[in-house]
């Protein structure tokens, strides 16, 4: 590969990431309804045709933001799980880290879990960052337990419910620790 071609590919990857970052920042500041291709083109100082050379539209941008978010979530959960010495503590740490992530990055969380995208969950086409995040939950259960992926799905689902209901003001935030303890107790005491 020529040096010029490598440089062009590197610059294209940088522009691609710049657009993703700008979309995230704009969504966090003003909400996803403010994220339009026109506003993004202005923000990154590229023409709309350049933006469309990277993404077919807003849905593709949201998808890219979501996949980036899953990579961040996986790293966040990995740090939490690695810091806990035993499975029950690991599960608690991962669950707490998940809820913190959802609270601290609401627009990113929306892109990952609420907004419509074509990101496939539990599928052969599941993006590796999403699978890596899920695997952090799976890693909290005994390796010899054939139901560990099922447990991970149910825990993740419950946490998503807590995060979504809490963000919408539908459950009080002061009960979160009790709900988390209840969930962890039920799964860490489950027969293997």
Protein backbone atom coordinates (compact mmCIF):
# COMPACT_ATOMS: atom_id res chain seq x y z
CA UNK A 1 0.00 0.00 0.00
CA UNK A 2 1.36 3.41 -0.91
CA UNK A 3 2.13 6.04 1.69
CA UNK A 4 -0.42 8.37 0.09
CA UNK A 5 -3.14 5.73 0.21
CA UNK A 6 -2.35 4.91 3.86
CA UNK A 7 -2.52 8.61 4.73
CA UNK A 8 -5.89 8.98 2.94
CA UNK A 9 -7.29 5.95 4.77
CA UNK A 10 -6.02 7.27 8.10
CA UNK A 11 -7.56 10.70 7.40
CA UNK A 12 -10.86 9.04 6.42
CA UNK A 13 -10.89 7.04 9.66
CA UNK A 14 -10.20 10.24 11.61
CA UNK A 15 -13.07 12.06 9.84
CA UNK A 16 -15.34 9.08 10.53
CA UNK A 17 -14.50 9.19 14.25
CA UNK A 18 -14.82 12.98 14.32
CA UNK A 19 -18.40 12.70 13.01
CA UNK A 20 -19.26 10.04 15.62
CA UNK A 21 -17.77 12.15 18.42
CA UNK A 22 -19.57 15.28 17.23
CA UNK A 23 -22.89 13.40 17.11
CA UNK A 24 -22.39 12.14 20.67
CA UNK A 25 -21.46 15.58 21.95
CA UNK A 26 -24.41 17.24 20.25
CA UNK A 27 -26.80 14.56 21.51
CA UNK A 28 -25.50 14.88 25.08
CA UNK A 29 -25.81 18.68 24.94
CA UNK A 30 -29.15 19.04 23.12
CA UNK A 31 -30.71 15.59 22.68
CA UNK A 32 -30.84 13.30 19.64
CA UNK A 33 -33.48 15.42 17.92
CA UNK A 34 -30.78 18.11 17.52
CA UNK A 35 -28.50 15.71 15.65
CA UNK A 36 -29.06 16.35 11.96
CA UNK A 37 -26.67 15.87 9.07
CA UNK A 38 -26.72 19.62 8.47
CA UNK A 39 -25.77 20.41 12.08
CA UNK A 40 -23.11 17.72 12.10
CA UNK A 41 -21.62 18.95 8.84
CA UNK A 42 -21.39 22.45 10.31
CA UNK A 43 -19.93 21.17 13.57
CA UNK A 44 -17.18 19.08 11.95
CA UNK A 45 -16.63 21.70 9.22
CA UNK A 46 -17.20 19.33 6.31
CA UNK A 47 -19.82 19.50 3.61
CA UNK A 48 -22.89 17.32 3.81
CA UNK A 49 -21.66 15.25 0.83
CA UNK A 50 -18.49 14.44 2.80
CA UNK A 51 -20.65 13.41 5.75
CA UNK A 52 -22.76 11.22 3.46
CA UNK A 53 -19.60 9.61 2.11
CA UNK A 54 -19.14 8.20 5.63
CA UNK A 55 -22.74 7.59 6.72
CA UNK A 56 -25.95 7.09 4.75
CA UNK A 57 -27.89 9.20 7.25
CA UNK A 58 -28.75 9.73 10.88
CA UNK A 59 -29.63 6.06 11.49
CA UNK A 60 -26.16 4.99 10.38
CA UNK A 61 -24.61 7.62 12.65
CA UNK A 62 -26.68 6.44 15.62
CA UNK A 63 -25.57 2.86 14.87
CA UNK A 64 -21.91 3.91 14.83
CA UNK A 65 -22.36 5.84 18.08
CA UNK A 66 -24.04 2.79 19.64
CA UNK A 67 -21.23 0.44 18.63
CA UNK A 68 -18.65 2.88 20.02
CA UNK A 69 -20.72 2.98 23.20
CA UNK A 70 -20.71 -0.80 23.52
CA UNK A 71 -16.93 -0.72 23.35
CA UNK A 72 -16.86 1.82 26.16
CA UNK A 73 -19.40 -0.14 28.16
CA UNK A 74 -17.39 -3.36 27.77
CA UNK A 75 -14.23 -1.64 29.04
CA UNK A 76 -16.14 -0.06 31.94
CA UNK A 77 -17.68 -3.40 32.95
CA UNK A 78 -14.34 -5.22 32.53
CA UNK A 79 -12.63 -2.82 34.94
CA UNK A 80 -15.43 -3.31 37.47
CA UNK A 81 -15.41 -7.11 37.18
CA UNK A 82 -11.62 -7.34 37.32
CA UNK A 83 -11.52 -5.35 40.55
CA UNK A 84 -13.84 -7.79 42.35
CA UNK A 85 -12.22 -10.90 43.83
CA UNK A 86 -15.19 -13.30 43.87
CA UNK A 87 -18.25 -13.93 41.67
CA UNK A 88 -20.93 -12.30 43.83
CA UNK A 89 -18.79 -9.19 44.28
CA UNK A 90 -18.03 -9.21 40.55
CA UNK A 91 -21.73 -9.36 39.70
CA UNK A 92 -22.45 -6.48 42.07
CA UNK A 93 -19.59 -4.42 40.64
CA UNK A 94 -20.66 -5.06 37.04
CA UNK A 95 -24.30 -4.23 37.78
CA UNK A 96 -23.39 -1.03 39.56
CA UNK A 97 -20.99 -0.06 36.75
CA UNK A 98 -23.74 -0.67 34.19
CA UNK A 99 -26.19 1.60 36.01
CA UNK A 100 -23.50 4.28 36.44
CA UNK A 101 -22.74 4.12 32.72
CA UNK A 102 -26.42 4.57 31.84
CA UNK A 103 -26.77 7.51 34.24
CA UNK A 104 -23.55 9.27 33.26
CA UNK A 105 -24.05 8.93 29.48
CA UNK A 106 -27.80 9.26 28.86
CA UNK A 107 -27.65 10.15 25.15
CA UNK A 108 -25.13 7.42 24.45
CA UNK A 109 -27.27 4.93 26.37
CA UNK A 110 -30.27 5.99 24.28
CA UNK A 111 -28.35 5.31 21.07
CA UNK A 112 -27.29 1.90 22.37
CA UNK A 113 -30.60 0.67 23.76
CA UNK A 114 -33.56 2.93 23.08
CA UNK A 115 -33.30 4.41 19.60
CA UNK A 116 -34.10 2.13 16.69
CA UNK A 117 -30.99 0.68 15.03
CA UNK A 118 -30.16 -2.41 13.06
CA UNK A 119 -27.59 -3.54 15.67
CA UNK A 120 -28.28 -7.22 16.25
CA UNK A 121 -28.24 -8.63 19.78
CA UNK A 122 -27.67 -12.36 20.47
CA UNK A 123 -27.03 -13.08 16.82
CA UNK A 124 -24.18 -14.24 14.59
CA UNK A 125 -23.93 -10.62 13.36
CA UNK A 126 -23.68 -9.11 16.84
CA UNK A 127 -20.88 -6.53 16.74
CA UNK A 128 -17.81 -7.61 18.78
CA UNK A 129 -18.04 -4.62 21.19
CA UNK A 130 -21.62 -5.60 22.10
CA UNK A 131 -20.60 -9.23 22.58
CA UNK A 132 -17.67 -8.08 24.75
CA UNK A 133 -20.03 -6.10 27.01
CA UNK A 134 -22.36 -9.10 27.32
CA UNK A 135 -19.42 -11.39 28.07
CA UNK A 136 -18.59 -9.27 31.13
CA UNK A 137 -21.97 -10.25 32.57
CA UNK A 138 -21.48 -13.89 31.55
CA UNK A 139 -18.09 -13.85 33.31
CA UNK A 140 -19.82 -13.15 36.62
CA UNK A 141 -21.34 -16.63 36.66
CA UNK A 142 -19.65 -20.00 37.13
CA UNK A 143 -18.01 -21.28 33.95
CA UNK A 144 -19.53 -24.73 34.49
CA UNK A 145 -23.09 -23.38 34.65
CA UNK A 146 -24.87 -24.09 31.36
CA UNK A 147 -27.36 -21.30 32.17
CA UNK A 148 -24.81 -18.54 32.63
CA UNK A 149 -25.76 -16.80 29.36
CA UNK A 150 -29.43 -16.99 30.33
CA UNK A 151 -28.61 -15.49 33.74
CA UNK A 152 -26.57 -12.75 32.05
CA UNK A 153 -29.47 -11.91 29.70
CA UNK A 154 -31.97 -11.68 32.54
CA UNK A 155 -29.66 -9.57 34.73
CA UNK A 156 -28.90 -7.25 31.80
CA UNK A 157 -32.63 -6.98 31.04
CA UNK A 158 -33.44 -6.13 34.66
CA UNK A 159 -30.68 -3.51 34.75
CA UNK A 160 -31.92 -1.99 31.51
CA UNK A 161 -35.38 -1.75 33.04
CA UNK A 162 -33.98 -0.08 36.15
CA UNK A 163 -31.90 2.35 34.09
CA UNK A 164 -34.76 3.24 31.75
CA UNK A 165 -37.38 3.59 34.48
CA UNK A 166 -35.02 5.62 36.64
CA UNK A 167 -34.07 7.94 33.76
CA UNK A 168 -37.76 8.48 33.03
CA UNK A 169 -38.48 9.31 36.68
CA UNK A 170 -40.78 6.30 36.99
CA UNK A 171 -38.96 4.67 39.90
CA UNK A 172 -37.30 6.58 42.73
CA UNK A 173 -33.51 6.78 42.58
CA UNK A 174 -33.14 6.29 46.33
CA UNK A 175 -34.32 2.67 46.02
CA UNK A 176 -31.74 1.70 43.41
CA UNK A 177 -29.28 0.09 45.84
CA UNK A 178 -32.00 -2.04 47.40
CA UNK A 179 -33.23 -3.16 43.96
CA UNK A 180 -29.66 -3.95 42.93
CA UNK A 181 -29.04 -5.99 46.10
CA UNK A 182 -32.31 -7.89 45.55
CA UNK A 183 -31.37 -8.73 41.96
CA UNK A 184 -27.85 -9.84 42.82
CA UNK A 185 -29.01 -11.96 45.74
CA UNK A 186 -31.50 -13.80 43.54
CA UNK A 187 -28.91 -14.61 40.89
CA UNK A 188 -25.89 -15.25 43.03
CA UNK A 189 -27.93 -17.65 45.19
CA UNK A 190 -29.42 -19.44 42.18
CA UNK A 191 -28.67 -23.17 42.14
CA UNK A 192 -26.10 -24.14 39.55
